[in-house]
Amino acid sequence: MAERKKLYEGKAKILYATEDPAVLVTYFKDDATAFNAQKRGTIANKGCINNAVSTHLFKLLEAQGVTTHWIASPNEREMWVKPVTIVPLEVVVRNLAAGSLCRQTGLALGTPLTPPLVEFYYKNDDLGDPLLTCDRIRAMDIASDDTVTELDRMARSINQILKDFFNSCSITLVDFKLEFGTLADGTLVLADEISPDTCRLWNQEETDESRRVMDKDRFRQDLGDVESGYQQVLDRILAHTN
């Protein structure tokens, strides 16, 4: 796979083509952004950690019957993935109230959400990735009703698997973002990544609201020790992976 062409560069990853049309390469960067890229920085070794975390979680989900775009992870910064057409919706699953949900609703930080809340956001930086209703999704012709129903079902299934696994690592899965895509045959699969960049993760062994944070909120909120938080997540995942 020596020959490859850059297809896309995002905030955290670069996507390359290879000579095999059935294989793309995702390169994980150390760049960090927050607040729709209004805040920018670098987190040392973030790309390697996120690649490793995503690899282990994709393998966990595949073993539980969730189809993903993951093929292999040949080195510490790269992941081989299947080409997909991304559904332009970010699917956010919330187990506890945090972030924008608290700001927009007045719910207290950490309020349990039973059942978990599944939300859809339009993947559009120019519009600020707005929260959408099902009626708006239909009006905008972003996805069919059947696709939205399947996204909701898959997100809830993934949430249960990840929540149980993280709990075994003494980590609380507060909320997280998923992206999905369709293969050439129309199959809907989990894509993108699952990492401390895309999840809110709290250390169950810490009670302090700042010290318990193990995810990108350390960068967003200038809590310090960002690299340490990410590394702790990976270390615990590795310790609980067969």
Protein backbone atom coordinates (compact mmCIF):
# COMPACT_ATOMS: atom_id res chain seq x y z
CA MET A 1 0.00 0.00 0.00
CA ALA A 2 2.77 2.43 -0.93
CA GLU A 3 0.74 4.63 -3.26
CA ARG A 4 -1.99 6.76 -1.77
CA LYS A 5 -3.69 10.06 -2.41
CA LYS A 6 -5.15 12.39 0.20
CA LEU A 7 -8.93 12.32 -0.11
CA TYR A 8 -9.89 14.47 2.85
CA GLU A 9 -8.34 16.19 5.84
CA GLY A 10 -10.47 16.92 8.87
CA LYS A 11 -9.79 18.36 12.30
CA ALA A 12 -8.34 15.17 13.77
CA LYS A 13 -7.70 12.76 10.89
CA ILE A 14 -6.56 12.50 7.26
CA LEU A 15 -8.16 10.03 4.85
CA TYR A 16 -6.02 8.53 2.09
CA ALA A 17 -6.84 6.34 -0.89
CA THR A 18 -4.72 3.28 -1.66
CA GLU A 19 -4.18 1.22 -4.79
CA ASP A 20 -6.92 -1.05 -3.45
CA PRO A 21 -10.32 0.66 -3.95
CA ALA A 22 -11.75 -1.48 -1.13
CA VAL A 23 -9.29 -0.04 1.43
CA LEU A 24 -8.78 3.51 2.67
CA VAL A 25 -6.26 4.70 5.26
CA THR A 26 -7.21 6.91 8.19
CA TYR A 27 -4.25 8.78 9.70
CA PHE A 28 -4.80 10.05 13.26
CA LYS A 29 -3.32 13.50 13.96
CA ASP A 30 -2.31 15.13 17.26
CA ASP A 31 -4.27 18.29 16.40
CA ALA A 32 -7.02 19.22 18.83
CA THR A 33 -9.99 21.51 18.27
CA ALA A 34 -13.02 22.55 20.29
CA PHE A 35 -16.06 24.81 19.94
CA ASN A 36 -16.37 24.18 16.19
CA ALA A 37 -12.61 24.72 15.72
CA GLN A 38 -12.64 28.13 17.45
CA LYS A 39 -10.11 26.71 19.91
CA ARG A 40 -7.10 24.90 18.46
CA GLY A 41 -4.10 23.16 19.91
CA THR A 42 -2.06 19.98 20.00
CA ILE A 43 -2.26 17.05 22.39
CA ALA A 44 0.96 15.04 22.45
CA ASN A 45 0.53 11.47 21.20
CA LYS A 46 -3.24 11.95 20.83
CA GLY A 47 -3.33 10.38 17.38
CA CYS A 48 -1.66 7.19 18.56
CA ILE A 49 -3.89 6.92 21.62
CA ASN A 50 -7.10 7.57 19.69
CA ASN A 51 -6.14 5.04 17.03
CA ALA A 52 -5.46 2.42 19.70
CA VAL A 53 -8.64 3.17 21.65
CA SER A 54 -10.77 3.17 18.49
CA THR A 55 -9.20 -0.09 17.32
CA HIS A 56 -9.98 -1.89 20.55
CA LEU A 57 -13.52 -0.55 20.72
CA PHE A 58 -14.27 -1.35 17.07
CA LYS A 59 -13.02 -4.91 17.66
CA LEU A 60 -15.17 -5.15 20.79
CA LEU A 61 -18.24 -3.99 18.88
CA GLU A 62 -17.54 -6.27 15.90
CA ALA A 63 -17.37 -9.22 18.32
CA GLN A 64 -20.83 -8.20 19.58
CA GLY A 65 -22.32 -8.14 16.08
CA VAL A 66 -21.98 -4.42 15.27
CA THR A 67 -20.75 -3.88 11.70
CA THR A 68 -18.08 -1.18 11.41
CA HIS A 69 -15.80 0.26 8.73
CA TRP A 70 -12.71 -1.06 10.53
CA ILE A 71 -10.44 -3.52 8.70
CA ALA A 72 -7.10 -3.43 10.52
CA SER A 73 -4.67 -1.12 12.31
CA PRO A 74 -1.23 -1.74 10.77
CA ASN A 75 0.65 0.80 12.87
CA GLU A 76 0.17 3.19 15.77
CA ARG A 77 -1.21 6.10 13.73
CA GLU A 78 -3.07 4.45 10.87
CA MET A 79 -6.25 2.45 10.48
CA TRP A 80 -7.40 0.64 7.35
CA VAL A 81 -11.10 1.15 6.77
CA LYS A 82 -13.78 0.31 4.22
CA PRO A 83 -14.95 3.15 1.98
CA VAL A 84 -18.34 4.47 3.08
CA THR A 85 -20.70 7.25 2.15
CA ILE A 86 -21.10 9.15 5.40
CA VAL A 87 -24.62 9.89 6.60
CA PRO A 88 -24.48 13.65 7.32
CA LEU A 89 -25.77 13.22 10.86
CA GLU A 90 -23.82 13.06 14.09
CA VAL A 91 -25.62 10.71 16.46
CA VAL A 92 -25.09 11.67 20.10
CA VAL A 93 -26.01 9.29 22.91
CA ARG A 94 -26.29 10.72 26.43
CA ASN A 95 -26.37 8.64 29.61
CA LEU A 96 -25.80 11.57 31.97
CA ALA A 97 -26.50 15.26 31.44
CA ALA A 98 -23.39 17.24 30.47
CA GLY A 99 -22.16 19.90 28.07
CA SER A 100 -24.69 21.56 25.78
CA LEU A 101 -27.59 19.58 27.25
CA CYS A 102 -27.03 21.24 30.63
CA ARG A 103 -26.63 24.68 29.04
CA GLN A 104 -29.77 24.34 26.93
CA THR A 105 -32.09 22.65 29.43
CA GLY A 106 -30.89 23.64 32.91
CA LEU A 107 -30.40 19.99 33.85
CA ALA A 108 -27.71 19.61 36.51
CA LEU A 109 -24.38 18.13 35.47
CA GLY A 110 -24.46 14.37 35.93
CA THR A 111 -28.25 13.99 35.98
CA PRO A 112 -29.02 10.37 34.93
CA LEU A 113 -30.98 10.05 31.70
CA THR A 114 -33.23 6.99 31.69
CA PRO A 115 -33.64 5.82 29.01
CA PRO A 116 -30.52 7.25 27.38
CA LEU A 117 -31.12 10.28 25.17
CA VAL A 118 -30.32 9.90 21.44
CA GLU A 119 -29.94 13.13 19.46
CA PHE A 120 -29.19 13.95 15.83
CA TYR A 121 -26.99 16.85 14.74
CA TYR A 122 -26.47 18.05 11.18
CA LYS A 123 -22.83 17.62 10.09
CA ASN A 124 -22.31 21.16 8.80
CA ASP A 125 -19.60 23.40 10.27
CA ASP A 126 -20.97 26.51 8.55
CA LEU A 127 -24.28 26.06 10.36
CA GLY A 128 -22.63 25.08 13.65
CA ASP A 129 -23.74 21.42 13.57
CA PRO A 130 -27.32 22.20 14.72
CA LEU A 131 -29.54 19.83 16.65
CA LEU A 132 -32.26 18.44 14.37
CA THR A 133 -35.69 16.95 14.94
CA CYS A 134 -36.88 13.97 12.94
CA ASP A 135 -39.25 16.29 11.07
CA ARG A 136 -36.36 18.57 10.13
CA ILE A 137 -34.31 15.60 8.94
CA ARG A 138 -37.26 14.59 6.76
CA ALA A 139 -37.77 18.13 5.44
CA MET A 140 -34.07 18.47 4.60
CA ASP A 141 -34.07 15.02 2.95
CA ILE A 142 -30.90 14.07 4.86
CA ALA A 143 -31.94 10.51 5.64
CA SER A 144 -35.02 8.35 5.26
CA ASP A 145 -37.28 7.58 8.20
CA ASP A 146 -36.09 3.96 8.09
CA THR A 147 -32.45 5.08 8.23
CA VAL A 148 -33.13 7.36 11.21
CA THR A 149 -34.90 4.50 13.00
CA GLU A 150 -31.94 2.20 12.33
CA LEU A 151 -29.44 4.85 13.47
CA ASP A 152 -31.35 5.16 16.74
CA ARG A 153 -31.45 1.38 17.20
CA MET A 154 -27.76 0.91 16.43
CA ALA A 155 -26.74 3.82 18.66
CA ARG A 156 -28.64 2.40 21.64
CA SER A 157 -27.14 -1.05 21.08
CA ILE A 158 -23.63 0.38 20.81
CA ASN A 159 -24.23 2.45 23.92
CA GLN A 160 -25.14 -0.59 26.00
CA ILE A 161 -22.05 -2.50 24.88
CA LEU A 162 -19.70 0.44 25.48
CA LYS A 163 -21.31 1.48 28.75
CA ASP A 164 -20.90 -2.03 30.18
CA PHE A 165 -17.31 -2.28 28.96
CA PHE A 166 -16.27 1.12 30.28
CA ASN A 167 -17.94 0.32 33.59
CA SER A 168 -15.69 -2.74 33.85
CA CYS A 169 -12.77 -0.30 33.43
CA SER A 170 -14.11 1.89 36.28
CA ILE A 171 -15.01 4.57 33.73
CA THR A 172 -18.44 6.17 33.33
CA LEU A 173 -19.54 6.71 29.74
CA VAL A 174 -21.30 10.05 30.12
CA ASP A 175 -22.07 10.68 26.45
CA PHE A 176 -20.51 10.17 23.04
CA LYS A 177 -20.80 10.97 19.34
CA LEU A 178 -21.15 8.38 16.58
CA GLU A 179 -20.96 8.67 12.82
CA PHE A 180 -22.33 6.14 10.36
CA GLY A 181 -21.92 5.45 6.67
CA THR A 182 -23.20 3.13 3.97
CA LEU A 183 -21.11 0.60 2.10
CA ALA A 184 -21.41 0.21 -1.67
CA ASP A 185 -24.16 -2.38 -1.16
CA GLY A 186 -26.15 -0.01 1.06
CA THR A 187 -25.27 -1.63 4.39
CA LEU A 188 -25.27 0.88 7.25
CA VAL A 189 -22.08 0.63 9.32
CA LEU A 190 -20.41 2.44 12.19
CA ALA A 191 -17.62 4.72 10.93
CA ASP A 192 -15.26 7.51 12.09
CA GLU A 193 -13.74 6.80 15.54
CA ILE A 194 -14.62 6.18 19.19
CA SER A 195 -12.08 7.81 21.47
CA PRO A 196 -11.57 10.40 24.22
CA ASP A 197 -12.08 12.95 21.42
CA THR A 198 -15.63 11.76 20.82
CA CYS A 199 -16.69 10.52 24.28
CA ARG A 200 -17.15 12.09 27.70
CA LEU A 201 -15.49 9.70 30.14
CA TRP A 202 -15.35 10.08 33.92
CA ASN A 203 -12.98 8.24 36.24
CA GLN A 204 -15.17 6.40 38.76
CA GLU A 205 -12.30 6.43 41.26
CA GLU A 206 -12.35 10.25 41.43
CA THR A 207 -15.04 12.40 43.03
CA ASP A 208 -13.56 15.79 42.13
CA GLU A 209 -15.43 17.17 39.08
CA SER A 210 -12.21 18.34 37.42
CA ARG A 211 -9.89 15.44 38.20
CA ARG A 212 -12.41 12.80 37.13
CA VAL A 213 -12.46 14.05 33.51
CA MET A 214 -10.55 11.72 31.13
CA ASP A 215 -11.54 13.15 27.74
CA LYS A 216 -11.36 16.22 25.49
CA ASP A 217 -13.14 18.30 28.13
CA ARG A 218 -9.69 18.57 29.74
CA PHE A 219 -8.67 20.51 26.62
CA ARG A 220 -11.95 22.39 26.22
CA GLN A 221 -12.00 23.57 29.83
CA ASP A 222 -8.22 24.09 30.26
CA LEU A 223 -8.07 21.51 33.05
CA GLY A 224 -4.48 20.49 32.26
CA ASP A 225 -2.95 16.99 32.08
CA VAL A 226 -4.83 16.33 28.84
CA GLU A 227 -2.38 13.69 27.63
CA SER A 228 -2.55 11.91 30.99
CA GLY A 229 -6.34 11.67 30.82
CA TYR A 230 -6.25 10.14 27.34
CA GLN A 231 -3.47 7.73 28.32
CA GLN A 232 -5.39 6.54 31.38
CA VAL A 233 -8.34 5.64 29.17
CA LEU A 234 -6.12 3.56 26.89
CA ASP A 235 -4.32 1.90 29.81
CA ARG A 236 -7.59 0.81 31.37
CA ILE A 237 -8.96 -0.46 28.07
CA LEU A 238 -5.81 -2.51 27.47
CA ALA A 239 -6.01 -3.91 31.00
CA HIS A 240 -9.57 -5.12 30.40
CA THR A 241 -9.19 -6.41 26.84
CA ASN A 242 -8.62 -10.12 26.31
